[in-house]
Amino acid sequence: MKKFAMLTVKGAVGLVPKSVRNKLKNNHKLTEFYSRSLQRSGLFYGFPSEKKRMALYKDYLQHQSKTLVGKTANHKANLKFTFIILGHQNLSISLESLREAGGGELDIRVVTEKTLGAEVSQFLTLTDALSDVDNNKELFFLNSGDIITDEALKVFSISDSEADITYCDTDRVDLKKRRVSPYFLPDWNPELQYSTGYVFTGVKCKAKLVALNTIKSKTIAGLVTELWLKHPELLIKHLPFTLLNRTTNKAVVDKGLQDIRERLSDSTSAVASFNAELGVNHLQWPIDSEPLVSLIIPTKNAKNLVKACIESILDKTTYQNFEILLIDNGSDEKESIDYFNELNKHPKINVLSYPGEFNYSAINNFGVQHASSESTIIGLINNDIEVIDPNWLTAMVGHASRKDIGCVGAKLLYSDGRIQHAGVVMGYGGGAGHAHKYFPRYHPGYIKRLIATQNYSAVTAACLLVKRSLFTKVGGLNEKDLTVAFNDVDFCLKVQETGVRNVYCAEAELYHHESVSRGTDHAPEKAARFNRELQYLKTRWGNYIDHDPAYSPNLTLMRENFSVKTKEEFSK
């Protein structure tokens, strides 16, 4: 009934003259009420219909075709590739596409236990197929049944010659011979590879790289992971074009994920498990010394919120080596003050006073300065957070303890179960926004990116862990230029610039209650402050806003839903 009512209201609004609608938009309270009602109806979390997705992708293919004509007009396909095909299912389709795209005699090697004809070289294992490759050649890997597009070899031939590994986007061909279901991938994303094996076909690799290693992998996804784990300094490049029609074979994906778990076991101390229901790998990274974590929670009054937050942390959290610093920013309600005084008696809690105007950055910096000298990990926690998964802190500390990891964020849900935060994408709305915002809790997201731990350029400080040494190294949060908005984004990017990766930890689930009903910054003074802080973000981090490596340039920045860009966006 609620959905039907909102459909009726939305349709009626569309009939109102545009001039009247624009005038109504100036009433920020009315705008907020309408937006919240749409969101709560459950209809409009933003994922386009299948028909709409197909139309958008058809427009994209026209854009890609024009772009690639310009890039490849004066180039020929490089025939110095050694093509390695894994498997035998629908092999003839792959062979035909290679010969049409490459022409002439090609060096093709097929890895399969099934006996084939004499037209191709056959090997029982990937290791055998790689044993005598010419070091001056480049290798191209695909799965049996995959189809190389006409432009693929040209584009791969002219791609960055310095790259050790190069991969492309893919799509499928449906029963009506239409190109559908594009996988628009991010730039190299190690954690996403561990979780989903997202790079599993359409991969170019320098032959001399595999010659230097004893290869154990059995799949393309495993090989890419193995080479990265052995040589994390590798230059891995992404071609943001759908250059290969992938086959639909769940067994290939599952085998790749198993291969990744085995390669992780060989090279790391992480404990990897497979979630068969979700089809993703989960990793628990080792926590050797159980470091003390200082959880910093700013508040002004809000007794009920703080009570729910702190009690859930104390009662539900498996990882117990933490302290809580509640930073009281000028509370004036007696019941809140009395409650905070009681909290201060708890052995794990320290209540500190920070008088003066609200400055989120300054308050948290103050909290870090007063954290125990023994703590090595800082946790920034909003007062409206409530624990769902008891292992949230265990999972996040495991990541935060790693030498190559910076900020670690969690999956945060609104009170009604919809997604509030699952990583931050740079460029949304010209600044930054939350990936998959308003999606249902159990939705897998775009190519499983909602349910998989992965790297993002930034995560929200509503629940963020980071090494204390890194917090200090980058000077903490910017309390001068970013008092309220975007301070967490700016902080994460500063941390990332030190050479580490930021992580969205999908296994850590918590509620983020209050922000679902909190007003947006439409009041004149708040809007002015927000615009100043947005401008600072654009000026300081314009390179990430122009291209976020954790997001595809082919996906929209108009909505937080991973939809393909419209024709209008591509023409900008």
Protein backbone atom coordinates (compact mmCIF):
# COMPACT_ATOMS: atom_id res chain seq x y z
CA MET A 1 0.00 0.00 0.00
CA LYS A 2 2.83 2.37 0.88
CA LYS A 3 4.51 1.71 -2.46
CA PHE A 4 1.28 2.28 -4.40
CA ALA A 5 0.69 5.54 -2.54
CA MET A 6 4.16 6.82 -3.33
CA LEU A 7 3.80 5.87 -7.00
CA THR A 8 0.59 7.91 -7.07
CA VAL A 9 2.25 10.89 -5.36
CA LYS A 10 5.28 10.71 -7.65
CA GLY A 11 3.05 10.61 -10.70
CA ALA A 12 1.05 13.58 -9.46
CA VAL A 13 4.22 15.61 -8.83
CA GLY A 14 5.22 14.96 -12.44
CA LEU A 15 2.02 16.68 -13.62
CA VAL A 16 2.79 19.89 -11.72
CA PRO A 17 4.14 22.64 -14.04
CA LYS A 18 7.94 22.85 -13.98
CA SER A 19 7.95 26.47 -12.79
CA VAL A 20 5.83 25.51 -9.78
CA ARG A 21 8.00 22.47 -9.02
CA ASN A 22 11.12 24.64 -9.05
CA LYS A 23 9.52 27.07 -6.60
CA LEU A 24 8.50 24.21 -4.29
CA LYS A 25 12.09 22.90 -4.31
CA ASN A 26 13.17 26.11 -2.54
CA ASN A 27 11.23 24.93 0.51
CA HIS A 28 13.90 22.71 2.03
CA LYS A 29 11.58 21.15 4.62
CA LEU A 30 9.12 20.06 1.95
CA THR A 31 11.96 18.73 -0.22
CA GLU A 32 13.40 16.72 2.67
CA PHE A 33 9.99 15.25 3.53
CA TYR A 34 9.33 14.20 -0.08
CA SER A 35 12.81 12.67 -0.48
CA ARG A 36 12.59 10.71 2.77
CA SER A 37 9.12 9.42 1.87
CA LEU A 38 10.38 8.18 -1.49
CA GLN A 39 13.35 6.48 0.11
CA ARG A 40 11.30 4.79 2.82
CA SER A 41 8.76 3.47 0.34
CA GLY A 42 11.36 0.91 -0.75
CA LEU A 43 10.64 1.55 -4.43
CA PHE A 44 13.29 4.04 -5.33
CA TYR A 45 16.66 2.84 -4.11
CA GLY A 46 17.72 3.57 -7.64
CA PHE A 47 18.66 0.37 -9.48
CA PRO A 48 17.38 0.72 -13.08
CA SER A 49 15.04 -1.84 -14.64
CA GLU A 50 16.48 -4.45 -17.01
CA LYS A 51 14.96 -2.60 -19.98
CA LYS A 52 16.57 0.66 -18.87
CA ARG A 53 19.94 -1.04 -18.28
CA MET A 54 19.90 -2.53 -21.76
CA ALA A 55 19.09 0.85 -23.32
CA LEU A 56 21.90 2.56 -21.39
CA TYR A 57 24.40 -0.11 -22.39
CA LYS A 58 23.37 0.10 -26.04
CA ASP A 59 24.12 3.84 -25.94
CA TYR A 60 27.42 3.11 -24.20
CA LEU A 61 28.50 0.67 -26.93
CA GLN A 62 28.01 3.40 -29.52
CA HIS A 63 30.16 5.73 -27.40
CA GLN A 64 32.83 3.02 -26.98
CA SER A 65 32.89 2.28 -30.70
CA LYS A 66 33.57 5.92 -31.55
CA THR A 67 36.25 6.16 -28.86
CA LEU A 68 38.08 3.02 -29.98
CA VAL A 69 38.04 4.00 -33.66
CA GLY A 70 40.02 7.07 -32.70
CA LYS A 71 42.44 5.09 -30.55
CA THR A 72 43.13 2.24 -32.97
CA ALA A 73 42.74 3.82 -36.43
CA ASN A 74 46.45 3.66 -37.30
CA HIS A 75 47.34 0.46 -35.45
CA LYS A 76 47.38 -3.22 -36.29
CA ALA A 77 46.80 -6.08 -33.90
CA ASN A 78 49.98 -7.43 -32.32
CA LEU A 79 50.33 -11.10 -33.22
CA LYS A 80 53.16 -11.69 -30.74
CA PHE A 81 50.62 -12.83 -28.16
CA THR A 82 50.57 -16.36 -26.86
CA PHE A 83 46.91 -17.09 -26.22
CA ILE A 84 46.14 -19.38 -23.30
CA ILE A 85 42.61 -20.74 -23.05
CA LEU A 86 41.52 -22.47 -19.86
CA GLY A 87 38.95 -25.25 -20.25
CA HIS A 88 37.26 -26.88 -23.23
CA GLN A 89 33.56 -26.00 -22.95
CA ASN A 90 32.47 -24.17 -26.14
CA LEU A 91 36.14 -24.01 -27.15
CA SER A 92 35.33 -23.64 -30.85
CA ILE A 93 33.65 -20.29 -30.17
CA SER A 94 36.81 -18.90 -28.56
CA LEU A 95 39.08 -20.26 -31.30
CA GLU A 96 36.92 -18.79 -34.03
CA SER A 97 36.85 -15.36 -32.40
CA LEU A 98 40.63 -15.35 -31.96
CA ARG A 99 41.26 -16.25 -35.56
CA GLU A 100 38.82 -13.65 -36.83
CA ALA A 101 40.37 -10.94 -34.65
CA GLY A 102 44.02 -11.93 -35.17
CA GLY A 103 44.12 -13.55 -38.59
CA GLY A 104 47.03 -15.70 -39.74
CA GLU A 105 48.74 -18.27 -37.57
CA LEU A 106 48.34 -17.78 -33.86
CA ASP A 107 50.11 -19.36 -30.91
CA ILE A 108 47.17 -20.84 -29.02
CA ARG A 109 47.49 -23.14 -26.01
CA VAL A 110 44.53 -24.85 -24.37
CA VAL A 111 44.62 -26.07 -20.77
CA THR A 112 42.29 -29.04 -20.33
CA GLU A 113 42.29 -32.70 -19.39
CA LYS A 114 39.99 -33.53 -22.29
CA THR A 115 41.64 -34.86 -25.45
CA LEU A 116 41.34 -32.36 -28.31
CA GLY A 117 42.14 -32.40 -32.00
CA ALA A 118 45.55 -31.56 -33.43
CA GLU A 119 44.63 -27.99 -34.39
CA VAL A 120 45.77 -26.54 -31.06
CA SER A 121 48.48 -27.20 -28.50
CA GLN A 122 47.06 -28.92 -25.44
CA PHE A 123 48.36 -28.94 -21.84
CA LEU A 124 47.08 -30.64 -18.72
CA THR A 125 47.87 -27.75 -16.36
CA LEU A 126 48.41 -24.02 -16.50
CA THR A 127 51.95 -24.58 -15.23
CA ASP A 128 52.67 -26.87 -18.21
CA ALA A 129 51.26 -24.33 -20.65
CA LEU A 130 53.56 -21.64 -19.26
CA SER A 131 56.68 -23.78 -19.04
CA ASP A 132 58.31 -22.87 -22.36
CA VAL A 133 56.77 -19.54 -23.36
CA ASP A 134 58.93 -17.04 -25.25
CA ASN A 135 59.94 -14.32 -22.78
CA ASN A 136 59.72 -11.70 -25.53
CA LYS A 137 56.04 -12.41 -26.06
CA GLU A 138 53.03 -11.29 -24.12
CA LEU A 139 50.48 -13.74 -22.81
CA PHE A 140 46.74 -13.33 -23.22
CA PHE A 141 44.44 -15.38 -20.99
CA LEU A 142 40.77 -16.19 -21.50
CA ASN A 143 38.34 -18.91 -20.47
CA SER A 144 36.94 -21.42 -22.92
CA GLY A 145 33.75 -20.05 -24.42
CA ASP A 146 34.84 -16.41 -24.13
CA ILE A 147 34.70 -14.32 -27.30
CA ILE A 148 37.31 -11.71 -28.20
CA THR A 149 35.73 -8.62 -29.78
CA ASP A 150 37.08 -7.18 -33.01
CA GLU A 151 38.79 -4.27 -31.27
CA ALA A 152 40.30 -6.25 -28.39
CA LEU A 153 43.69 -7.22 -29.78
CA LYS A 154 44.33 -3.75 -31.18
CA VAL A 155 43.46 -2.08 -27.89
CA PHE A 156 45.55 -4.51 -25.85
CA SER A 157 48.42 -4.11 -28.33
CA ILE A 158 48.61 -0.35 -27.88
CA SER A 159 47.98 -0.41 -24.12
CA ASP A 160 50.65 0.70 -21.66
CA SER A 161 53.81 -1.25 -22.50
CA GLU A 162 55.13 -0.66 -18.96
CA ALA A 163 52.23 -2.57 -17.39
CA ASP A 164 53.02 -6.03 -16.07
CA ILE A 165 49.38 -7.10 -16.18
CA THR A 166 46.49 -5.51 -18.08
CA TYR A 167 42.80 -6.46 -17.87
CA CYS A 168 39.61 -5.23 -19.51
CA ASP A 169 35.88 -4.96 -18.86
CA THR A 170 33.57 -7.68 -20.15
CA ASP A 171 29.97 -8.31 -21.13
CA ARG A 172 27.78 -11.22 -22.27
CA VAL A 173 25.99 -12.09 -25.50
CA ASP A 174 22.41 -13.22 -24.84
CA LEU A 175 20.30 -15.71 -26.80
CA LYS A 176 19.16 -12.91 -29.11
CA LYS A 177 22.81 -12.07 -29.92
CA ARG A 178 22.60 -8.81 -27.96
CA ARG A 179 25.51 -7.57 -25.87
CA VAL A 180 24.25 -7.28 -22.29
CA SER A 181 25.31 -7.32 -18.62
CA PRO A 182 28.51 -5.27 -18.71
CA TYR A 183 31.03 -5.73 -15.92
CA PHE A 184 32.46 -2.24 -15.60
CA LEU A 185 35.40 -2.86 -13.31
CA PRO A 186 37.46 -0.58 -11.06
CA ASP A 187 41.19 -0.09 -11.41
CA TRP A 188 43.33 -2.69 -9.65
CA ASN A 189 41.59 -3.54 -6.38
CA PRO A 190 43.43 -6.29 -4.43
CA GLU A 191 40.79 -6.78 -1.71
CA LEU A 192 38.02 -7.10 -4.32
CA GLN A 193 40.14 -9.68 -6.12
CA TYR A 194 40.54 -11.68 -2.91
CA SER A 195 36.79 -11.50 -2.24
CA THR A 196 35.29 -12.00 -5.70
CA GLY A 197 38.06 -12.81 -8.18
CA TYR A 198 36.71 -9.96 -10.32
CA VAL A 199 39.68 -10.20 -12.73
CA PHE A 200 39.12 -13.70 -14.15
CA THR A 201 39.39 -13.34 -17.93
CA GLY A 202 40.61 -10.95 -20.61
CA VAL A 203 44.08 -10.58 -19.07
CA LYS A 204 47.36 -9.65 -20.75
CA CYS A 205 50.57 -10.49 -18.90
CA LYS A 206 54.28 -10.21 -19.64
CA ALA A 207 55.69 -13.68 -20.33
CA LYS A 208 58.90 -12.93 -18.44
CA LEU A 209 56.84 -12.34 -15.30
CA VAL A 210 55.53 -15.91 -15.18
CA ALA A 211 58.96 -17.26 -16.18
CA LEU A 212 60.37 -15.82 -12.94
CA ASN A 213 57.87 -17.69 -10.78
CA THR A 214 56.84 -21.25 -10.01
CA ILE A 215 53.15 -21.00 -10.84
CA LYS A 216 50.72 -23.00 -8.71
CA SER A 217 47.48 -21.42 -9.93
CA LYS A 218 44.89 -23.34 -11.90
CA THR A 219 42.73 -20.38 -12.97
CA ILE A 220 43.16 -16.88 -14.38
CA ALA A 221 41.77 -15.32 -11.19
CA GLY A 222 44.22 -17.37 -9.14
CA LEU A 223 47.15 -16.48 -11.39
CA VAL A 224 46.53 -12.72 -11.13
CA THR A 225 46.24 -13.06 -7.34
CA GLU A 226 49.35 -15.23 -7.07
CA LEU A 227 51.51 -12.83 -9.09
CA TRP A 228 50.29 -9.86 -7.05
CA LEU A 229 50.94 -11.61 -3.72
CA LYS A 230 54.46 -12.52 -4.82
CA HIS A 231 55.18 -9.11 -6.37
CA PRO A 232 53.00 -6.36 -4.83
CA GLU A 233 55.05 -3.77 -6.70
CA LEU A 234 53.56 -4.96 -10.02
CA LEU A 235 52.04 -2.35 -12.31
CA ILE A 236 48.51 -3.60 -13.05
CA LYS A 237 46.50 -1.56 -15.54
CA HIS A 238 42.80 -1.55 -16.37
CA LEU A 239 41.31 -0.90 -19.82
CA PRO A 240 37.80 0.53 -19.21
CA PHE A 241 36.27 -0.97 -22.36
CA THR A 242 34.18 -4.14 -22.83
CA LEU A 243 36.62 -5.99 -25.09
CA LEU A 244 35.56 -9.56 -24.34
CA ASN A 245 32.23 -11.38 -24.21
CA ARG A 246 32.54 -13.60 -21.15
CA THR A 247 30.95 -17.02 -20.91
CA THR A 248 28.35 -17.74 -18.24
CA ASN A 249 29.93 -20.48 -16.16
CA LYS A 250 29.47 -20.48 -12.38
CA ALA A 251 31.96 -23.34 -12.06
CA VAL A 252 34.71 -21.11 -13.48
CA VAL A 253 33.97 -18.41 -10.89
CA ASP A 254 33.81 -20.86 -7.96
CA LYS A 255 37.00 -22.60 -9.06
CA GLY A 256 38.72 -19.21 -9.30
CA LEU A 257 37.63 -18.29 -5.77
CA GLN A 258 38.94 -21.60 -4.45
CA ASP A 259 42.22 -20.99 -6.27
CA ILE A 260 42.46 -17.54 -4.66
CA ARG A 261 41.90 -19.01 -1.19
CA GLU A 262 44.71 -21.48 -1.78
CA ARG A 263 47.08 -18.79 -3.05
CA LEU A 264 46.28 -16.63 -0.02
CA SER A 265 47.00 -19.61 2.23
CA ASP A 266 50.38 -20.05 0.51
CA SER A 267 51.44 -16.42 0.88
CA THR A 268 49.64 -14.95 3.93
CA SER A 269 48.40 -15.82 7.41
CA ALA A 270 44.83 -14.82 6.57
CA VAL A 271 42.11 -17.40 7.19
CA ALA A 272 39.98 -17.58 4.06
CA SER A 273 36.51 -19.13 3.89
CA PHE A 274 33.90 -19.38 1.16
CA ASN A 275 30.35 -18.09 1.60
CA ALA A 276 28.47 -20.38 -0.78
CA GLU A 277 25.21 -18.43 -0.38
CA LEU A 278 26.77 -15.11 -1.41
CA GLY A 279 29.45 -16.54 -3.69
CA VAL A 280 32.30 -14.55 -2.12
CA ASN A 281 35.41 -15.22 -0.10
CA HIS A 282 35.65 -13.97 3.49
CA LEU A 283 39.07 -13.29 4.99
CA GLN A 284 40.02 -12.89 8.63
CA TRP A 285 43.45 -11.34 8.84
CA PRO A 286 45.58 -12.33 11.85
CA ILE A 287 45.55 -10.28 15.04
CA ASP A 288 48.79 -11.29 16.71
CA SER A 289 49.02 -9.08 19.79
CA GLU A 290 45.38 -7.94 20.26
CA PRO A 291 46.22 -4.21 20.13
CA LEU A 292 44.32 -1.78 22.32
CA VAL A 293 41.70 0.08 20.27
CA SER A 294 40.57 3.56 21.36
CA LEU A 295 36.95 4.13 20.27
CA ILE A 296 36.20 7.86 20.17
CA ILE A 297 32.53 8.88 20.34
CA PRO A 298 31.61 12.59 20.18
CA THR A 299 28.21 13.66 21.51
CA LYS A 300 26.13 16.53 22.79
CA ASN A 301 23.31 15.27 25.01
CA ALA A 302 21.51 12.41 23.14
CA LYS A 303 21.40 10.08 26.14
CA ASN A 304 19.27 7.43 24.41
CA LEU A 305 21.44 7.28 21.33
CA VAL A 306 24.64 7.10 23.35
CA LYS A 307 23.16 4.44 25.64
CA ALA A 308 22.18 2.22 22.70
CA CYS A 309 25.58 2.76 21.09
CA ILE A 310 27.76 2.06 24.11
CA GLU A 311 25.68 -0.80 25.50
CA SER A 312 25.77 -2.56 22.13
CA ILE A 313 29.57 -2.17 21.99
CA LEU A 314 30.02 -3.45 25.55
CA ASP A 315 27.49 -6.30 25.32
CA LYS A 316 27.86 -7.54 21.75
CA THR A 317 31.50 -7.07 20.75
CA THR A 318 33.64 -10.21 20.66
CA TYR A 319 36.96 -8.33 20.54
CA GLN A 320 37.44 -7.00 24.05
CA ASN A 321 40.70 -5.04 24.10
CA PHE A 322 39.22 -1.59 23.64
CA GLU A 323 38.59 1.61 25.53
CA ILE A 324 35.80 4.11 24.91
CA LEU A 325 36.41 7.87 25.00
CA LEU A 326 33.08 9.70 25.10
CA ILE A 327 33.73 13.34 24.14
CA ASP A 328 31.02 15.58 25.61
CA ASN A 329 30.66 18.68 23.41
CA GLY A 330 28.72 20.94 25.79
CA SER A 331 25.82 18.79 26.96
CA ASP A 332 23.16 20.76 28.86
CA GLU A 333 20.43 18.19 29.50
CA LYS A 334 20.48 16.92 33.07
CA GLU A 335 19.57 13.32 32.23
CA SER A 336 22.40 13.13 29.68
CA ILE A 337 24.93 14.69 32.06
CA ASP A 338 23.89 12.33 34.87
CA TYR A 339 24.16 9.33 32.54
CA PHE A 340 27.60 10.39 31.32
CA ASN A 341 28.77 10.72 34.93
CA GLU A 342 27.67 7.13 35.54
CA LEU A 343 29.44 5.97 32.38
CA ASN A 344 32.66 7.57 33.58
CA LYS A 345 32.78 5.02 36.42
CA HIS A 346 33.04 2.11 33.95
CA PRO A 347 36.60 0.72 33.70
CA LYS A 348 36.51 0.78 29.87
CA ILE A 349 35.02 4.28 29.52
CA ASN A 350 36.53 7.73 29.90
CA VAL A 351 34.24 10.76 29.54
CA LEU A 352 36.03 13.94 28.47
CA SER A 353 34.68 17.47 28.15
CA TYR A 354 35.20 19.46 24.94
CA PRO A 355 33.37 22.80 25.29
CA GLY A 356 32.76 25.25 22.46
CA GLU A 357 31.25 25.14 18.99
CA PHE A 358 30.71 21.86 17.21
CA ASN A 359 33.76 21.01 15.11
CA TYR A 360 33.75 17.32 14.27
CA SER A 361 37.38 17.31 13.20
CA ALA A 362 38.65 19.14 16.27
CA ILE A 363 36.62 16.97 18.66
CA ASN A 364 38.04 13.75 17.23
CA ASN A 365 41.59 15.12 17.16
CA PHE A 366 41.13 16.02 20.83
CA GLY A 367 39.96 12.48 21.54
CA VAL A 368 43.01 10.93 19.88
CA GLN A 369 45.31 13.18 21.93
CA HIS A 370 43.71 11.84 25.13
CA ALA A 371 43.65 8.17 24.13
CA SER A 372 45.64 5.73 26.23
CA SER A 373 49.35 5.76 25.50
CA GLU A 374 49.07 1.99 24.99
CA SER A 375 46.53 2.15 22.18
CA THR A 376 47.82 1.60 18.64
CA ILE A 377 44.53 1.70 16.74
CA ILE A 378 42.03 4.56 16.68
CA GLY A 379 38.32 4.03 16.08
CA LEU A 380 36.10 6.96 15.11
CA ILE A 381 32.50 6.12 16.05
CA ASN A 382 29.32 8.21 15.75
CA ASN A 383 27.02 8.31 18.76
CA ASP A 384 24.18 6.82 16.67
CA ILE A 385 25.99 3.60 15.82
CA GLU A 386 24.69 0.26 17.13
CA VAL A 387 26.45 -3.08 16.75
CA ILE A 388 24.78 -5.83 14.68
CA ASP A 389 27.57 -8.36 14.09
CA PRO A 390 29.55 -9.30 17.24
CA ASN A 391 32.70 -9.85 15.17
CA TRP A 392 32.67 -6.35 13.68
CA LEU A 393 35.72 -5.16 15.59
CA THR A 394 37.63 -8.41 15.09
CA ALA A 395 37.22 -8.13 11.32
CA MET A 396 38.13 -4.43 11.22
CA VAL A 397 41.15 -4.75 13.54
CA GLY A 398 42.42 -7.59 11.36
CA HIS A 399 42.51 -5.24 8.38
CA ALA A 400 43.72 -2.18 10.27
CA SER A 401 46.70 -4.16 11.63
CA ARG A 402 48.02 -4.94 8.15
CA LYS A 403 51.08 -2.95 7.07
CA ASP A 404 49.65 -2.04 3.66
CA ILE A 405 46.19 -1.00 4.90
CA GLY A 406 45.12 2.46 6.07
CA CYS A 407 41.51 3.34 6.93
CA VAL A 408 38.95 0.57 7.44
CA GLY A 409 35.22 1.25 7.20
CA ALA A 410 32.13 -0.85 7.91
CA LYS A 411 28.81 -1.65 6.28
CA LEU A 412 26.31 0.70 7.93
CA LEU A 413 22.53 0.31 7.80
CA TYR A 414 19.74 2.75 8.44
CA SER A 415 17.32 1.73 11.19
CA ASP A 416 14.97 0.26 8.55
CA GLY A 417 17.69 -2.01 7.16
CA ARG A 418 18.64 -0.10 4.02
CA ILE A 419 22.25 0.68 3.18
CA GLN A 420 23.61 3.96 4.52
CA HIS A 421 27.30 3.36 3.84
CA ALA A 422 29.24 0.69 1.95
CA GLY A 423 32.26 2.68 0.82
CA VAL A 424 32.64 6.22 -0.52
CA VAL A 425 32.83 7.00 -4.24
CA MET A 426 34.57 10.18 -5.31
CA GLY A 427 32.76 12.31 -7.88
CA TYR A 428 29.18 11.61 -6.83
CA GLY A 429 27.31 14.90 -7.13
CA GLY A 430 30.58 16.63 -7.93
CA GLY A 431 32.04 15.75 -4.52
CA ALA A 432 31.66 12.37 -2.84
CA GLY A 433 28.84 9.99 -1.92
CA HIS A 434 28.03 6.58 -0.51
CA ALA A 435 28.16 3.52 -2.76
CA HIS A 436 24.84 1.63 -3.03
CA LYS A 437 23.06 4.08 -0.74
CA TYR A 438 19.45 3.06 0.06
CA PHE A 439 19.89 -0.43 -1.42
CA PRO A 440 18.24 -3.24 0.56
CA ARG A 441 20.44 -4.88 3.18
CA TYR A 442 20.73 -8.23 1.41
CA HIS A 443 21.13 -6.94 -2.14
CA PRO A 444 24.44 -8.15 -3.64
CA GLY A 445 25.01 -4.80 -5.31
CA TYR A 446 26.73 -4.25 -8.62
CA ILE A 447 28.93 -7.28 -9.43
CA LYS A 448 28.74 -8.25 -5.73
CA ARG A 449 30.36 -5.01 -4.60
CA LEU A 450 27.88 -4.49 -1.77
CA ILE A 451 28.60 -7.85 -0.12
CA ALA A 452 32.34 -8.06 -0.80
CA THR A 453 35.21 -6.55 1.16
CA GLN A 454 37.23 -4.33 -1.18
CA ASN A 455 39.29 -1.19 -1.54
CA TYR A 456 37.63 2.21 -1.74
CA SER A 457 39.35 5.57 -1.87
CA ALA A 458 37.47 6.61 1.25
CA VAL A 459 35.09 5.34 3.94
CA THR A 460 32.88 7.19 6.40
CA ALA A 461 34.16 8.16 9.85
CA ALA A 462 30.82 7.15 11.36
CA CYS A 463 32.69 3.88 11.98
CA LEU A 464 36.35 3.97 10.95
CA LEU A 465 39.50 2.28 12.24
CA VAL A 466 43.05 3.38 11.48
CA LYS A 467 46.50 2.91 13.01
CA ARG A 468 47.30 5.67 15.46
CA SER A 469 50.67 6.14 13.76
CA LEU A 470 48.94 6.90 10.44
CA PHE A 471 46.45 9.25 12.11
CA THR A 472 49.37 11.22 13.55
CA LYS A 473 51.42 11.04 10.35
CA VAL A 474 48.79 12.84 8.26
CA GLY A 475 47.94 15.36 11.00
CA GLY A 476 44.55 13.94 11.92
CA LEU A 477 41.31 15.48 10.64
CA ASN A 478 41.33 18.96 9.08
CA GLU A 479 39.75 21.10 11.81
CA LYS A 480 40.42 24.37 10.00
CA ASP A 481 38.83 23.84 6.57
CA LEU A 482 36.49 20.88 7.15
CA THR A 483 34.68 21.32 10.45
CA VAL A 484 31.62 19.21 9.58
CA ALA A 485 31.47 17.78 6.04
CA PHE A 486 34.00 15.76 4.02
CA ASN A 487 36.61 15.70 6.80
CA ASP A 488 36.56 11.88 6.74
CA VAL A 489 36.96 11.78 2.95
CA ASP A 490 39.87 14.21 3.11
CA PHE A 491 41.43 12.18 5.93
CA CYS A 492 41.12 8.88 4.05
CA LEU A 493 42.71 10.35 0.93
CA LYS A 494 45.59 11.78 2.96
CA VAL A 495 46.13 8.34 4.46
CA GLN A 496 45.95 6.67 1.06
CA GLU A 497 48.53 9.07 -0.31
CA THR A 498 51.06 7.65 2.16
CA GLY A 499 51.11 4.46 0.05
CA VAL A 500 48.53 2.26 1.81
CA ARG A 501 45.07 1.09 0.72
CA ASN A 502 41.73 1.90 2.36
CA VAL A 503 39.21 -0.90 2.90
CA TYR A 504 35.44 -1.30 3.09
CA CYS A 505 34.93 -4.31 5.37
CA ALA A 506 31.63 -5.90 4.31
CA GLU A 507 31.69 -8.38 7.20
CA ALA A 508 31.42 -5.60 9.82
CA GLU A 509 27.73 -4.67 10.03
CA LEU A 510 26.33 -1.95 12.29
CA TYR A 511 23.30 0.31 12.39
CA HIS A 512 23.67 4.05 11.81
CA HIS A 513 20.40 5.26 13.28
CA GLU A 514 19.93 8.99 13.46
CA SER A 515 21.18 10.10 10.05
CA VAL A 516 18.18 8.58 8.30
CA SER A 517 16.00 11.35 9.70
CA ARG A 518 18.61 14.06 10.17
CA GLY A 519 18.00 17.15 8.06
CA THR A 520 20.24 18.07 5.18
CA ASP A 521 22.19 21.29 5.08
CA HIS A 522 19.55 23.50 3.41
CA ALA A 523 19.42 26.17 6.13
CA PRO A 524 21.27 29.22 4.71
CA GLU A 525 24.20 29.23 7.16
CA LYS A 526 24.63 25.45 6.95
CA ALA A 527 24.38 25.51 3.17
CA ALA A 528 27.07 28.18 2.98
CA ARG A 529 29.39 26.16 5.20
CA PHE A 530 28.69 22.99 3.23
CA ASN A 531 29.46 24.73 -0.07
CA ARG A 532 32.76 26.05 1.31
CA GLU A 533 33.76 22.58 2.44
CA LEU A 534 32.69 21.05 -0.87
CA GLN A 535 34.80 23.60 -2.74
CA TYR A 536 37.79 22.74 -0.54
CA LEU A 537 37.34 19.06 -1.39
CA LYS A 538 37.15 19.83 -5.12
CA THR A 539 40.26 21.99 -4.99
CA ARG A 540 42.31 19.62 -2.84
CA TRP A 541 41.24 16.30 -4.35
CA GLY A 542 40.15 17.15 -7.89
CA ASN A 543 42.18 14.29 -9.33
CA TYR A 544 40.15 11.72 -7.36
CA ILE A 545 36.87 13.45 -8.21
CA ASP A 546 37.79 13.34 -11.92
CA HIS A 547 38.66 9.63 -11.69
CA ASP A 548 38.15 7.50 -8.63
CA PRO A 549 40.29 4.36 -9.14
CA ALA A 550 37.76 2.33 -7.12
CA TYR A 551 34.96 3.22 -9.55
CA SER A 552 34.50 2.80 -13.29
CA PRO A 553 34.52 5.88 -15.56
CA ASN A 554 31.60 4.26 -17.41
CA LEU A 555 29.28 4.35 -14.39
CA THR A 556 27.10 7.31 -13.46
CA LEU A 557 28.02 10.01 -10.98
CA MET A 558 24.48 11.36 -10.91
CA ARG A 559 23.14 8.66 -8.58
CA GLU A 560 24.73 6.30 -6.07
CA ASN A 561 23.46 3.16 -7.81
CA PHE A 562 26.26 1.93 -10.15
CA SER A 563 24.11 2.52 -13.24
CA VAL A 564 25.73 3.00 -16.66
CA LYS A 565 26.21 6.64 -17.62
CA THR A 566 23.64 8.27 -19.85
CA LYS A 567 24.45 9.66 -23.30
CA GLU A 568 24.38 13.14 -21.81
CA GLU A 569 27.04 12.25 -19.22
CA PHE A 570 29.36 10.79 -21.86
CA SER A 571 29.00 13.92 -23.99
CA LYS A 572 30.16 16.23 -21.19
